[in-house]
Amino acid sequence: MRDYKSFINAYHRIKRSFLSKEKAGKLPELSEIVWSIIVGIPPVPADEYSLPEAQDIAIDQRIAIYKAIFVELNKDQPEEFIDQGLSIYDAAAKLARQLYRTVIL
């Protein structure tokens, strides 16, 4: 239950911050998303895990938050726009994983 509350708090925290309504109708910037993931924005429950795969779980949690907010902010946009944005988030997750494994580890 604690993880659920931490995850929802992270969602609200990031939604109030730089993913504001000003971003509606704009595709995400790949480099901004990758940077945010690498530096750990927003803090997510997996940041506290002591599992070998904790970093991958944290990336997945951050991407889930970013995607949910993107869809929410762009609910009036065409489906193709939403799909394109979600693809950028998927690419950011993949790139963040690669960077983490090659540079940080």
PDB file of N, CA and C in Angstrom:
ATOM      1  N   MET A   1       0.826  -1.200   0.000  1.00  0.00           N
ATOM      2  CA  MET A   1       0.000   0.000   0.000  1.00  0.00           C
ATOM      3  C   MET A   1       0.864   1.255   0.000  1.00  0.00           C
ATOM      4  N   ARG A   2       1.984   1.208   0.717  1.00  0.00           N
ATOM      5  CA  ARG A   2       2.860   2.369   0.792  1.00  0.00           C
ATOM      6  C   ARG A   2       3.397   2.742  -0.591  1.00  0.00           C
ATOM      7  N   ASP A   3       3.773   1.733  -1.395  1.00  0.00           N
ATOM      8  CA  ASP A   3       4.269   2.002  -2.742  1.00  0.00           C
ATOM      9  C   ASP A   3       3.218   2.711  -3.582  1.00  0.00           C
ATOM     10  N   TYR A   4       1.981   2.285  -3.455  1.00  0.00           N
ATOM     11  CA  TYR A   4       0.897   2.900  -4.217  1.00  0.00           C
ATOM     12  C   TYR A   4       0.787   4.383  -3.876  1.00  0.00           C
ATOM     13  N   LYS A   5       0.798   4.709  -2.593  1.00  0.00           N
ATOM     14  CA  LYS A   5       0.686   6.107  -2.177  1.00  0.00           C
ATOM     15  C   LYS A   5       1.894   6.909  -2.632  1.00  0.00           C
ATOM     16  N   SER A   6       3.084   6.340  -2.545  1.00  0.00           N
ATOM     17  CA  SER A   6       4.296   7.027  -3.002  1.00  0.00           C
ATOM     18  C   SER A   6       4.239   7.285  -4.501  1.00  0.00           C
ATOM     19  N   PHE A   7       3.736   6.314  -5.239  1.00  0.00           N
ATOM     20  CA  PHE A   7       3.626   6.449  -6.692  1.00  0.00           C
ATOM     21  C   PHE A   7       2.637   7.559  -7.048  1.00  0.00           C
ATOM     22  N   ILE A   8       1.492   7.576  -6.411  1.00  0.00           N
ATOM     23  CA  ILE A   8       0.482   8.617  -6.663  1.00  0.00           C
ATOM     24  C   ILE A   8       1.020   9.986  -6.259  1.00  0.00           C
ATOM     25  N   ASN A   9       1.736  10.071  -5.160  1.00  0.00           N
ATOM     26  CA  ASN A   9       2.342  11.344  -4.753  1.00  0.00           C
ATOM     27  C   ASN A   9       3.353  11.821  -5.789  1.00  0.00           C
ATOM     28  N   ALA A  10       4.146  10.905  -6.321  1.00  0.00           N
ATOM     29  CA  ALA A  10       5.114  11.263  -7.363  1.00  0.00           C
ATOM     30  C   ALA A  10       4.392  11.786  -8.600  1.00  0.00           C
ATOM     31  N   TYR A  11       3.296  11.147  -8.964  1.00  0.00           N
ATOM     32  CA  TYR A  11       2.490  11.585 -10.102  1.00  0.00           C
ATOM     33  C   TYR A  11       2.024  13.035  -9.903  1.00  0.00           C
ATOM     34  N   HIS A  12       1.449  13.315  -8.763  1.00  0.00           N
ATOM     35  CA  HIS A  12       0.938  14.665  -8.499  1.00  0.00           C
ATOM     36  C   HIS A  12       2.062  15.693  -8.417  1.00  0.00           C
ATOM     37  N   ARG A  13       3.175  15.309  -7.836  1.00  0.00           N
ATOM     38  CA  ARG A  13       4.309  16.218  -7.715  1.00  0.00           C
ATOM     39  C   ARG A  13       4.830  16.628  -9.101  1.00  0.00           C
ATOM     40  N   ILE A  14       4.989  15.670  -9.984  1.00  0.00           N
ATOM     41  CA  ILE A  14       5.526  15.985 -11.309  1.00  0.00           C
ATOM     42  C   ILE A  14       4.487  16.718 -12.156  1.00  0.00           C
ATOM     43  N   LYS A  15       3.233  16.381 -11.960  1.00  0.00           N
ATOM     44  CA  LYS A  15       2.176  17.058 -12.711  1.00  0.00           C
ATOM     45  C   LYS A  15       2.127  18.543 -12.352  1.00  0.00           C
ATOM     46  N   ARG A  16       2.316  18.854 -11.086  1.00  0.00           N
ATOM     47  CA  ARG A  16       2.288  20.257 -10.650  1.00  0.00           C
ATOM     48  C   ARG A  16       3.537  21.015 -11.077  1.00  0.00           C
ATOM     49  N   SER A  17       4.605  20.314 -11.335  1.00  0.00           N
ATOM     50  CA  SER A  17       5.854  21.009 -11.630  1.00  0.00           C
ATOM     51  C   SER A  17       6.004  21.317 -13.115  1.00  0.00           C
ATOM     52  N   PHE A  18       6.968  20.718 -13.765  1.00  0.00           N
ATOM     53  CA  PHE A  18       7.282  21.136 -15.124  1.00  0.00           C
ATOM     54  C   PHE A  18       6.375  20.551 -16.198  1.00  0.00           C
ATOM     55  N   LEU A  19       5.530  19.606 -15.898  1.00  0.00           N
ATOM     56  CA  LEU A  19       4.592  19.086 -16.888  1.00  0.00           C
ATOM     57  C   LEU A  19       3.250  19.791 -16.717  1.00  0.00           C
ATOM     58  N   SER A  20       3.236  21.074 -16.975  1.00  0.00           N
ATOM     59  CA  SER A  20       2.036  21.878 -16.768  1.00  0.00           C
ATOM     60  C   SER A  20       1.186  21.928 -18.027  1.00  0.00           C
ATOM     61  N   LYS A  21       0.097  22.634 -17.930  1.00  0.00           N
ATOM     62  CA  LYS A  21      -0.820  22.780 -19.059  1.00  0.00           C
ATOM     63  C   LYS A  21      -0.158  23.483 -20.239  1.00  0.00           C
ATOM     64  N   GLU A  22       0.940  24.225 -19.999  1.00  0.00           N
ATOM     65  CA  GLU A  22       1.678  24.859 -21.096  1.00  0.00           C
ATOM     66  C   GLU A  22       2.208  23.816 -22.075  1.00  0.00           C
ATOM     67  N   LYS A  23       2.403  22.606 -21.609  1.00  0.00           N
ATOM     68  CA  LYS A  23       2.955  21.532 -22.435  1.00  0.00           C
ATOM     69  C   LYS A  23       1.882  20.850 -23.283  1.00  0.00           C
ATOM     70  N   ALA A  24       0.622  21.125 -23.029  1.00  0.00           N
ATOM     71  CA  ALA A  24      -0.451  20.498 -23.806  1.00  0.00           C
ATOM     72  C   ALA A  24      -0.294  20.884 -25.267  1.00  0.00           C
ATOM     73  N   GLY A  25      -0.460  19.915 -26.146  1.00  0.00           N
ATOM     74  CA  GLY A  25      -0.355  20.148 -27.572  1.00  0.00           C
ATOM     75  C   GLY A  25       1.068  20.139 -28.097  1.00  0.00           C
ATOM     76  N   LYS A  26       2.033  19.825 -27.228  1.00  0.00           N
ATOM     77  CA  LYS A  26       3.442  19.766 -27.629  1.00  0.00           C
ATOM     78  C   LYS A  26       3.982  18.374 -27.350  1.00  0.00           C
ATOM     79  N   LEU A  27       4.788  17.893 -28.264  1.00  0.00           N
ATOM     80  CA  LEU A  27       5.416  16.595 -28.055  1.00  0.00           C
ATOM     81  C   LEU A  27       6.551  16.738 -27.041  1.00  0.00           C
ATOM     82  N   PRO A  28       6.799  15.701 -26.273  1.00  0.00           N
ATOM     83  CA  PRO A  28       7.882  15.759 -25.291  1.00  0.00           C
ATOM     84  C   PRO A  28       9.238  15.817 -25.982  1.00  0.00           C
ATOM     85  N   GLU A  29      10.197  16.414 -25.297  1.00  0.00           N
ATOM     86  CA  GLU A  29      11.574  16.472 -25.785  1.00  0.00           C
ATOM     87  C   GLU A  29      12.319  15.250 -25.255  1.00  0.00           C
ATOM     88  N   LEU A  30      12.858  14.466 -26.150  1.00  0.00           N
ATOM     89  CA  LEU A  30      13.549  13.235 -25.764  1.00  0.00           C
ATOM     90  C   LEU A  30      14.649  13.506 -24.744  1.00  0.00           C
ATOM     91  N   SER A  31      15.479  14.497 -24.988  1.00  0.00           N
ATOM     92  CA  SER A  31      16.605  14.762 -24.085  1.00  0.00           C
ATOM     93  C   SER A  31      16.136  15.194 -22.698  1.00  0.00           C
ATOM     94  N   GLU A  32      15.055  15.960 -22.610  1.00  0.00           N
ATOM     95  CA  GLU A  32      14.520  16.368 -21.305  1.00  0.00           C
ATOM     96  C   GLU A  32      14.042  15.174 -20.501  1.00  0.00           C
ATOM     97  N   ILE A  33      13.364  14.264 -21.176  1.00  0.00           N
ATOM     98  CA  ILE A  33      12.833  13.083 -20.491  1.00  0.00           C
ATOM     99  C   ILE A  33      13.983  12.193 -20.022  1.00  0.00           C
ATOM    100  N   VAL A  34      14.966  11.957 -20.883  1.00  0.00           N
ATOM    101  CA  VAL A  34      16.104  11.111 -20.506  1.00  0.00           C
ATOM    102  C   VAL A  34      16.830  11.727 -19.320  1.00  0.00           C
ATOM    103  N   TRP A  35      17.084  13.025 -19.374  1.00  0.00           N
ATOM    104  CA  TRP A  35      17.765  13.703 -18.269  1.00  0.00           C
ATOM    105  C   TRP A  35      16.978  13.528 -16.971  1.00  0.00           C
ATOM    106  N   SER A  36      15.683  13.736 -17.019  1.00  0.00           N
ATOM    107  CA  SER A  36      14.845  13.597 -15.827  1.00  0.00           C
ATOM    108  C   SER A  36      14.923  12.192 -15.249  1.00  0.00           C
ATOM    109  N   ILE A  37      14.901  11.208 -16.114  1.00  0.00           N
ATOM    110  CA  ILE A  37      14.968   9.821 -15.658  1.00  0.00           C
ATOM    111  C   ILE A  37      16.316   9.542 -14.990  1.00  0.00           C
ATOM    112  N   ILE A  38      17.391   9.974 -15.619  1.00  0.00           N
ATOM    113  CA  ILE A  38      18.734   9.703 -15.103  1.00  0.00           C
ATOM    114  C   ILE A  38      18.956  10.364 -13.746  1.00  0.00           C
ATOM    115  N   VAL A  39      18.466  11.587 -13.572  1.00  0.00           N
ATOM    116  CA  VAL A  39      18.678  12.269 -12.292  1.00  0.00           C
ATOM    117  C   VAL A  39      17.633  11.897 -11.248  1.00  0.00           C
ATOM    118  N   GLY A  40      16.638  11.122 -11.643  1.00  0.00           N
ATOM    119  CA  GLY A  40      15.687  10.610 -10.663  1.00  0.00           C
ATOM    120  C   GLY A  40      14.495  11.496 -10.383  1.00  0.00           C
ATOM    121  N   ILE A  41      13.983  12.140 -11.418  1.00  0.00           N
ATOM    122  CA  ILE A  41      12.802  13.001 -11.267  1.00  0.00           C
ATOM    123  C   ILE A  41      11.622  12.316 -11.938  1.00  0.00           C
ATOM    124  N   PRO A  42      10.535  12.144 -11.247  1.00  0.00           N
ATOM    125  CA  PRO A  42      10.288  12.363  -9.827  1.00  0.00           C
ATOM    126  C   PRO A  42      10.801  11.176  -9.024  1.00  0.00           C
ATOM    127  N   PRO A  43      11.001  11.375  -7.724  1.00  0.00           N
ATOM    128  CA  PRO A  43      11.323  10.223  -6.884  1.00  0.00           C
ATOM    129  C   PRO A  43      10.157   9.234  -6.932  1.00  0.00           C
ATOM    130  N   VAL A  44      10.479   7.977  -7.075  1.00  0.00           N
ATOM    131  CA  VAL A  44       9.454   6.930  -7.174  1.00  0.00           C
ATOM    132  C   VAL A  44       9.757   5.833  -6.155  1.00  0.00           C
ATOM    133  N   PRO A  45       8.776   4.989  -5.854  1.00  0.00           N
ATOM    134  CA  PRO A  45       8.990   3.935  -4.848  1.00  0.00           C
ATOM    135  C   PRO A  45      10.216   3.066  -5.116  1.00  0.00           C
ATOM    136  N   ALA A  46      10.501   2.740  -6.364  1.00  0.00           N
ATOM    137  CA  ALA A  46      11.619   1.843  -6.674  1.00  0.00           C
ATOM    138  C   ALA A  46      12.976   2.435  -6.315  1.00  0.00           C
ATOM    139  N   ASP A  47      13.048   3.735  -6.104  1.00  0.00           N
ATOM    140  CA  ASP A  47      14.305   4.348  -5.674  1.00  0.00           C
ATOM    141  C   ASP A  47      14.769   3.793  -4.338  1.00  0.00           C
ATOM    142  N   GLU A  48      13.837   3.279  -3.556  1.00  0.00           N
ATOM    143  CA  GLU A  48      14.146   2.746  -2.232  1.00  0.00           C
ATOM    144  C   GLU A  48      14.359   1.235  -2.220  1.00  0.00           C
ATOM    145  N   TYR A  49      14.169   0.580  -3.364  1.00  0.00           N
ATOM    146  CA  TYR A  49      14.322  -0.869  -3.420  1.00  0.00           C
ATOM    147  C   TYR A  49      15.796  -1.252  -3.372  1.00  0.00           C
ATOM    148  N   SER A  50      16.074  -2.387  -2.793  1.00  0.00           N
ATOM    149  CA  SER A  50      17.451  -2.888  -2.754  1.00  0.00           C
ATOM    150  C   SER A  50      17.599  -4.116  -3.658  1.00  0.00           C
ATOM    151  N   LEU A  51      16.850  -4.135  -4.715  1.00  0.00           N
ATOM    152  CA  LEU A  51      16.901  -5.223  -5.687  1.00  0.00           C
ATOM    153  C   LEU A  51      17.884  -4.876  -6.801  1.00  0.00           C
ATOM    154  N   PRO A  52      18.479  -5.862  -7.447  1.00  0.00           N
ATOM    155  CA  PRO A  52      19.380  -5.579  -8.570  1.00  0.00           C
ATOM    156  C   PRO A  52      18.675  -4.854  -9.724  1.00  0.00           C
ATOM    157  N   GLU A  53      17.405  -5.122  -9.891  1.00  0.00           N
ATOM    158  CA  GLU A  53      16.654  -4.518 -10.993  1.00  0.00           C
ATOM    159  C   GLU A  53      15.908  -3.241 -10.579  1.00  0.00           C
ATOM    160  N   ALA A  54      16.236  -2.687  -9.444  1.00  0.00           N
ATOM    161  CA  ALA A  54      15.532  -1.499  -8.932  1.00  0.00           C
ATOM    162  C   ALA A  54      15.592  -0.331  -9.907  1.00  0.00           C
ATOM    163  N   GLN A  55      16.734  -0.116 -10.559  1.00  0.00           N
ATOM    164  CA  GLN A  55      16.854   1.007 -11.497  1.00  0.00           C
ATOM    165  C   GLN A  55      15.898   0.840 -12.679  1.00  0.00           C
ATOM    166  N   ASP A  56      15.782  -0.372 -13.193  1.00  0.00           N
ATOM    167  CA  ASP A  56      14.844  -0.617 -14.294  1.00  0.00           C
ATOM    168  C   ASP A  56      13.406  -0.386 -13.853  1.00  0.00           C
ATOM    169  N   ILE A  57      13.086  -0.817 -12.652  1.00  0.00           N
ATOM    170  CA  ILE A  57      11.736  -0.606 -12.129  1.00  0.00           C
ATOM    171  C   ILE A  57      11.469   0.886 -11.960  1.00  0.00           C
ATOM    172  N   ALA A  58      12.453   1.620 -11.461  1.00  0.00           N
ATOM    173  CA  ALA A  58      12.298   3.067 -11.289  1.00  0.00           C
ATOM    174  C   ALA A  58      12.088   3.759 -12.634  1.00  0.00           C
ATOM    175  N   ILE A  59      12.816   3.343 -13.639  1.00  0.00           N
ATOM    176  CA  ILE A  59      12.625   3.917 -14.985  1.00  0.00           C
ATOM    177  C   ILE A  59      11.204   3.649 -15.450  1.00  0.00           C
ATOM    178  N   ASP A  60      10.740   2.417 -15.279  1.00  0.00           N
ATOM    179  CA  ASP A  60       9.367   2.085 -15.682  1.00  0.00           C
ATOM    180  C   ASP A  60       8.341   2.924 -14.929  1.00  0.00           C
ATOM    181  N   GLN A  61       8.572   3.122 -13.638  1.00  0.00           N
ATOM    182  CA  GLN A  61       7.628   3.923 -12.849  1.00  0.00           C
ATOM    183  C   GLN A  61       7.617   5.372 -13.320  1.00  0.00           C
ATOM    184  N   ARG A  62       8.798   5.940 -13.582  1.00  0.00           N
ATOM    185  CA  ARG A  62       8.846   7.330 -14.063  1.00  0.00           C
ATOM    186  C   ARG A  62       8.158   7.463 -15.416  1.00  0.00           C
ATOM    187  N   ILE A  63       8.439   6.541 -16.316  1.00  0.00           N
ATOM    188  CA  ILE A  63       7.825   6.600 -17.647  1.00  0.00           C
ATOM    189  C   ILE A  63       6.307   6.457 -17.542  1.00  0.00           C
ATOM    190  N   ALA A  64       5.829   5.602 -16.674  1.00  0.00           N
ATOM    191  CA  ALA A  64       4.382   5.452 -16.490  1.00  0.00           C
ATOM    192  C   ALA A  64       3.753   6.776 -16.049  1.00  0.00           C
ATOM    193  N   ILE A  65       4.431   7.477 -15.149  1.00  0.00           N
ATOM    194  CA  ILE A  65       3.931   8.778 -14.686  1.00  0.00           C
ATOM    195  C   ILE A  65       3.934   9.780 -15.831  1.00  0.00           C
ATOM    196  N   TYR A  66       5.052   9.873 -16.543  1.00  0.00           N
ATOM    197  CA  TYR A  66       5.143  10.823 -17.660  1.00  0.00           C
ATOM    198  C   TYR A  66       4.082  10.546 -18.725  1.00  0.00           C
ATOM    199  N   LYS A  67       3.907   9.277 -19.056  1.00  0.00           N
ATOM    200  CA  LYS A  67       2.912   8.922 -20.069  1.00  0.00           C
ATOM    201  C   LYS A  67       1.496   9.281 -19.617  1.00  0.00           C
ATOM    202  N   ALA A  68       1.169   8.976 -18.371  1.00  0.00           N
ATOM    203  CA  ALA A  68      -0.176   9.273 -17.863  1.00  0.00           C
ATOM    204  C   ALA A  68      -0.457  10.770 -17.926  1.00  0.00           C
ATOM    205  N   ILE A  69       0.521  11.567 -17.532  1.00  0.00           N
ATOM    206  CA  ILE A  69       0.331  13.021 -17.563  1.00  0.00           C
ATOM    207  C   ILE A  69       0.242  13.514 -18.991  1.00  0.00           C
ATOM    208  N   PHE A  70       1.069  12.988 -19.873  1.00  0.00           N
ATOM    209  CA  PHE A  70       1.023  13.379 -21.281  1.00  0.00           C
ATOM    210  C   PHE A  70      -0.361  13.113 -21.880  1.00  0.00           C
ATOM    211  N   VAL A  71      -0.873  11.920 -21.627  1.00  0.00           N
ATOM    212  CA  VAL A  71      -2.201  11.564 -22.161  1.00  0.00           C
ATOM    213  C   VAL A  71      -3.271  12.467 -21.548  1.00  0.00           C
ATOM    214  N   GLU A  72      -3.176  12.696 -20.261  1.00  0.00           N
ATOM    215  CA  GLU A  72      -4.161  13.549 -19.594  1.00  0.00           C
ATOM    216  C   GLU A  72      -4.144  14.978 -20.164  1.00  0.00           C
ATOM    217  N   LEU A  73      -2.955  15.526 -20.340  1.00  0.00           N
ATOM    218  CA  LEU A  73      -2.852  16.897 -20.852  1.00  0.00           C
ATOM    219  C   LEU A  73      -3.247  17.021 -22.313  1.00  0.00           C
ATOM    220  N   ASN A  74      -3.168  15.920 -23.048  1.00  0.00           N
ATOM    221  CA  ASN A  74      -3.421  15.962 -24.487  1.00  0.00           C
ATOM    222  C   ASN A  74      -4.642  15.152 -24.909  1.00  0.00           C
ATOM    223  N   LYS A  75      -5.575  15.000 -23.982  1.00  0.00           N
ATOM    224  CA  LYS A  75      -6.748  14.166 -24.269  1.00  0.00           C
ATOM    225  C   LYS A  75      -7.575  14.663 -25.452  1.00  0.00           C
ATOM    226  N   ASP A  76      -7.425  15.923 -25.816  1.00  0.00           N
ATOM    227  CA  ASP A  76      -8.176  16.479 -26.940  1.00  0.00           C
ATOM    228  C   ASP A  76      -7.407  16.422 -28.259  1.00  0.00           C
ATOM    229  N   GLN A  77      -6.212  15.899 -28.224  1.00  0.00           N
ATOM    230  CA  GLN A  77      -5.383  15.803 -29.431  1.00  0.00           C
ATOM    231  C   GLN A  77      -5.745  14.540 -30.219  1.00  0.00           C
ATOM    232  N   PRO A  78      -5.406  14.511 -31.511  1.00  0.00           N
ATOM    233  CA  PRO A  78      -5.667  13.302 -32.312  1.00  0.00           C
ATOM    234  C   PRO A  78      -4.883  12.097 -31.789  1.00  0.00           C
ATOM    235  N   GLU A  79      -5.404  10.928 -32.042  1.00  0.00           N
ATOM    236  CA  GLU A  79      -4.786   9.694 -31.574  1.00  0.00           C
ATOM    237  C   GLU A  79      -3.352   9.541 -32.092  1.00  0.00           C
ATOM    238  N   GLU A  80      -3.098   9.974 -33.319  1.00  0.00           N
ATOM    239  CA  GLU A  80      -1.762   9.877 -33.895  1.00  0.00           C
ATOM    240  C   GLU A  80      -0.753  10.707 -33.083  1.00  0.00           C
ATOM    241  N   PHE A  81      -1.186  11.871 -32.618  1.00  0.00           N
ATOM    242  CA  PHE A  81      -0.335  12.732 -31.800  1.00  0.00           C
ATOM    243  C   PHE A  81       0.004  12.032 -30.482  1.00  0.00           C
ATOM    244  N   ILE A  82      -1.013  11.464 -29.856  1.00  0.00           N
ATOM    245  CA  ILE A  82      -0.813  10.743 -28.592  1.00  0.00           C
ATOM    246  C   ILE A  82       0.162   9.585 -28.807  1.00  0.00           C
ATOM    247  N   ASP A  83      -0.040   8.813 -29.863  1.00  0.00           N
ATOM    248  CA  ASP A  83       0.839   7.676 -30.152  1.00  0.00           C
ATOM    249  C   ASP A  83       2.279   8.132 -30.371  1.00  0.00           C
ATOM    250  N   GLN A  84       2.452   9.241 -31.073  1.00  0.00           N
ATOM    251  CA  GLN A  84       3.797   9.757 -31.327  1.00  0.00           C
ATOM    252  C   GLN A  84       4.470  10.159 -30.006  1.00  0.00           C
ATOM    253  N   GLY A  85       3.725  10.832 -29.148  1.00  0.00           N
ATOM    254  CA  GLY A  85       4.271  11.221 -27.854  1.00  0.00           C
ATOM    255  C   GLY A  85       4.641  10.021 -26.998  1.00  0.00           C
ATOM    256  N   LEU A  86       3.771   9.029 -26.961  1.00  0.00           N
ATOM    257  CA  LEU A  86       4.047   7.828 -26.169  1.00  0.00           C
ATOM    258  C   LEU A  86       5.277   7.088 -26.700  1.00  0.00           C
ATOM    259  N   SER A  87       5.476   7.122 -28.013  1.00  0.00           N
ATOM    260  CA  SER A  87       6.664   6.510 -28.610  1.00  0.00           C
ATOM    261  C   SER A  87       7.938   7.229 -28.169  1.00  0.00           C
ATOM    262  N   ILE A  88       7.853   8.540 -28.021  1.00  0.00           N
ATOM    263  CA  ILE A  88       9.011   9.305 -27.539  1.00  0.00           C
ATOM    264  C   ILE A  88       9.349   8.892 -26.110  1.00  0.00           C
ATOM    265  N   TYR A  89       8.341   8.705 -25.283  1.00  0.00           N
ATOM    266  CA  TYR A  89       8.587   8.249 -23.915  1.00  0.00           C
ATOM    267  C   TYR A  89       9.210   6.860 -23.895  1.00  0.00           C
ATOM    268  N   ASP A  90       8.748   5.971 -24.768  1.00  0.00           N
ATOM    269  CA  ASP A  90       9.343   4.632 -24.856  1.00  0.00           C
ATOM    270  C   ASP A  90      10.812   4.720 -25.270  1.00  0.00           C
ATOM    271  N   ALA A  91      11.106   5.580 -26.244  1.00  0.00           N
ATOM    272  CA  ALA A  91      12.489   5.764 -26.690  1.00  0.00           C
ATOM    273  C   ALA A  91      13.344   6.342 -25.569  1.00  0.00           C
ATOM    274  N   ALA A  92      12.783   7.249 -24.793  1.00  0.00           N
ATOM    275  CA  ALA A  92      13.509   7.848 -23.671  1.00  0.00           C
ATOM    276  C   ALA A  92      13.848   6.794 -22.623  1.00  0.00           C
ATOM    277  N   ALA A  93      12.914   5.906 -22.350  1.00  0.00           N
ATOM    278  CA  ALA A  93      13.170   4.835 -21.374  1.00  0.00           C
ATOM    279  C   ALA A  93      14.302   3.934 -21.856  1.00  0.00           C
ATOM    280  N   LYS A  94      14.265   3.597 -23.120  1.00  0.00           N
ATOM    281  CA  LYS A  94      15.305   2.734 -23.691  1.00  0.00           C
ATOM    282  C   LYS A  94      16.669   3.416 -23.626  1.00  0.00           C
ATOM    283  N   LEU A  95      16.723   4.683 -24.002  1.00  0.00           N
ATOM    284  CA  LEU A  95      17.977   5.428 -23.980  1.00  0.00           C
ATOM    285  C   LEU A  95      18.491   5.615 -22.549  1.00  0.00           C
ATOM    286  N   ALA A  96      17.594   5.898 -21.621  1.00  0.00           N
ATOM    287  CA  ALA A  96      17.993   6.064 -20.221  1.00  0.00           C
ATOM    288  C   ALA A  96      18.589   4.767 -19.679  1.00  0.00           C
ATOM    289  N   ARG A  97      18.000   3.643 -20.040  1.00  0.00           N
ATOM    290  CA  ARG A  97      18.542   2.354 -19.597  1.00  0.00           C
ATOM    291  C   ARG A  97      19.954   2.143 -20.152  1.00  0.00           C
ATOM    292  N   GLN A  98      20.130   2.463 -21.439  1.00  0.00           N
ATOM    293  CA  GLN A  98      21.440   2.305 -22.069  1.00  0.00           C
ATOM    294  C   GLN A  98      22.472   3.214 -21.399  1.00  0.00           C
ATOM    295  N   LEU A  99      22.104   4.453 -21.175  1.00  0.00           N
ATOM    296  CA  LEU A  99      23.020   5.389 -20.524  1.00  0.00           C
ATOM    297  C   LEU A  99      23.358   4.943 -19.114  1.00  0.00           C
ATOM    298  N   TYR A 100      22.369   4.521 -18.390  1.00  0.00           N
ATOM    299  CA  TYR A 100      22.596   4.073 -17.026  1.00  0.00           C
ATOM    300  C   TYR A 100      23.574   2.910 -16.995  1.00  0.00           C
ATOM    301  N   ARG A 101      23.384   1.971 -17.892  1.00  0.00           N
ATOM    302  CA  ARG A 101      24.240   0.773 -17.901  1.00  0.00           C
ATOM    303  C   ARG A 101      25.659   1.064 -18.375  1.00  0.00           C
ATOM    304  N   THR A 102      25.828   1.986 -19.299  1.00  0.00           N
ATOM    305  CA  THR A 102      27.152   2.239 -19.846  1.00  0.00           C
ATOM    306  C   THR A 102      27.914   3.346 -19.132  1.00  0.00           C
ATOM    307  N   VAL A 103      27.220   4.344 -18.632  1.00  0.00           N
ATOM    308  CA  VAL A 103      27.887   5.489 -18.034  1.00  0.00           C
ATOM    309  C   VAL A 103      27.871   5.434 -16.512  1.00  0.00           C
ATOM    310  N   ILE A 104      26.745   5.108 -15.946  1.00  0.00           N
ATOM    311  CA  ILE A 104      26.588   5.189 -14.496  1.00  0.00           C
ATOM    312  C   ILE A 104      27.086   3.934 -13.795  1.00  0.00           C
ATOM    313  N   LEU A 105      26.869   2.779 -14.379  1.00  0.00           N
ATOM    314  CA  LEU A 105      27.317   1.533 -13.723  1.00  0.00           C
ATOM    315  C   LEU A 105      28.746   1.334 -13.967  1.00  0.00           C
TER     316      LEU A 105
END
